[in-house]
Amino acid sequence: MDYAVVRTGGLQFRVSEGDLIRVPRMKSEVGEAIEMSDVLALSVGGDVKVGTPVVESALVRAEVIAHGKGKKVIVFKKKRRKDYRVKKGHRQGFTEIRITGITS
């Protein structure tokens, strides 16, 4: 099974063709085709190539499926005996993409 390790949004993802993954929010429209050239490792037909830091001429193509927000994370701060309490919520934005092709 062919796969690639790509870096996007400061995170690394192991992807194969047809995978549906959630990456940090991208500035791309829904339905737009994108190309990721930050390929850190690539496996094609059992042959593994590891980049230093990226694999030259390797490319991962994907299609933007949707944008959204993740589950709410509660951030609660408190200092005892000081009557200090702060409660905040945060929802991280994401982009859902489908991997359409891996080329070496």
Protein backbone atom coordinates (compact mmCIF):
# COMPACT_ATOMS: atom_id res chain seq x y z
CA MET A 1 0.00 0.00 0.00
CA ASP A 2 1.44 3.35 -1.05
CA TYR A 3 1.54 6.12 1.52
CA ALA A 4 3.19 9.44 2.23
CA VAL A 5 3.95 11.49 5.33
CA VAL A 6 3.08 15.14 4.68
CA ARG A 7 3.48 18.27 6.79
CA THR A 8 0.75 20.89 6.79
CA GLY A 9 -0.18 23.46 9.39
CA GLY A 10 2.79 22.44 11.58
CA LEU A 11 1.48 18.86 11.93
CA GLN A 12 2.46 15.63 10.19
CA PHE A 13 -0.05 13.21 8.65
CA ARG A 14 0.37 9.72 7.18
CA VAL A 15 -1.90 9.60 4.13
CA SER A 16 -2.87 7.14 1.41
CA GLU A 17 -4.91 7.70 -1.72
CA GLY A 18 -8.62 8.01 -0.89
CA ASP A 19 -8.07 9.02 2.76
CA LEU A 20 -10.29 11.69 4.32
CA ILE A 21 -8.36 13.74 6.91
CA ARG A 22 -8.87 16.88 8.98
CA VAL A 23 -6.00 19.36 8.85
CA PRO A 24 -5.67 22.81 10.43
CA ARG A 25 -7.71 25.47 8.61
CA MET A 26 -6.51 26.26 5.06
CA LYS A 27 -7.30 29.27 2.89
CA SER A 28 -8.82 27.19 0.08
CA GLU A 29 -12.36 27.08 -1.24
CA VAL A 30 -14.55 23.97 -1.01
CA GLY A 31 -14.09 21.84 -4.12
CA GLU A 32 -10.69 23.33 -4.92
CA ALA A 33 -7.79 20.99 -5.75
CA ILE A 34 -4.63 21.55 -3.70
CA GLU A 35 -1.08 20.22 -3.92
CA MET A 36 1.17 19.57 -0.92
CA SER A 37 4.90 19.50 -1.67
CA ASP A 38 6.06 19.13 1.96
CA VAL A 39 6.41 15.33 1.69
CA LEU A 40 8.66 14.06 4.49
CA ALA A 41 8.54 10.34 3.60
CA LEU A 42 7.17 8.33 0.70
CA SER A 43 6.49 4.63 0.20
CA VAL A 44 5.72 3.41 -3.32
CA GLY A 45 5.57 -0.33 -3.97
CA GLY A 46 7.47 -1.20 -0.79
CA ASP A 47 10.31 1.21 -1.62
CA VAL A 48 10.59 3.80 1.18
CA LYS A 49 12.18 7.20 0.58
CA VAL A 50 12.90 9.48 3.53
CA GLY A 51 13.54 13.14 2.82
CA THR A 52 16.23 15.42 4.20
CA PRO A 53 13.99 17.23 5.18
CA VAL A 54 11.61 16.71 2.21
CA VAL A 55 11.51 14.21 -0.65
CA GLU A 56 12.38 16.06 -3.87
CA SER A 57 9.76 16.04 -6.66
CA ALA A 58 7.22 14.21 -4.46
CA LEU A 59 3.72 15.63 -4.50
CA VAL A 60 0.43 14.83 -2.76
CA ARG A 61 -2.76 16.02 -4.43
CA ALA A 62 -5.97 16.57 -2.49
CA GLU A 63 -9.43 18.06 -2.79
CA VAL A 64 -11.03 20.34 -0.19
CA ILE A 65 -14.28 18.76 1.04
CA ALA A 66 -15.42 21.08 3.86
CA HIS A 67 -14.44 23.62 6.49
CA GLY A 68 -15.62 23.51 10.10
CA LYS A 69 -14.85 23.84 13.77
CA GLY A 70 -13.86 21.09 16.19
CA LYS A 71 -15.36 20.30 19.57
CA LYS A 72 -15.27 22.97 22.22
CA VAL A 73 -12.34 22.90 24.64
CA ILE A 74 -12.92 24.58 28.01
CA VAL A 75 -10.05 26.67 29.38
CA PHE A 76 -10.52 27.34 33.11
CA LYS A 77 -8.10 29.42 35.17
CA LYS A 78 -8.27 29.86 38.93
CA LYS A 79 -6.13 31.31 41.68
CA ARG A 80 -7.05 30.04 45.09
CA ARG A 81 -8.05 32.48 47.79
CA LYS A 82 -7.90 35.41 45.34
CA ASP A 83 -11.47 35.27 43.97
CA TYR A 84 -10.05 34.89 40.45
CA ARG A 85 -11.83 32.61 38.01
CA VAL A 86 -11.86 32.79 34.20
CA LYS A 87 -13.73 30.34 32.00
CA LYS A 88 -13.20 30.47 28.25
CA GLY A 89 -14.06 28.15 25.39
CA HIS A 90 -12.16 27.52 22.18
CA ARG A 91 -13.09 25.75 18.95
CA GLN A 92 -10.23 25.04 16.55
CA GLY A 93 -10.95 25.50 12.87
CA PHE A 94 -10.23 22.64 10.46
CA THR A 95 -10.35 21.79 6.78
CA GLU A 96 -11.46 18.35 5.68
CA ILE A 97 -9.57 17.08 2.61
CA ARG A 98 -9.64 13.90 0.52
CA ILE A 99 -6.32 12.63 -0.86
CA THR A 100 -6.66 12.11 -4.63
CA GLY A 101 -3.13 11.14 -5.61
CA ILE A 102 0.47 10.58 -4.54
CA THR A 103 3.27 11.04 -7.07
CA SER A 104 6.99 10.52 -6.60
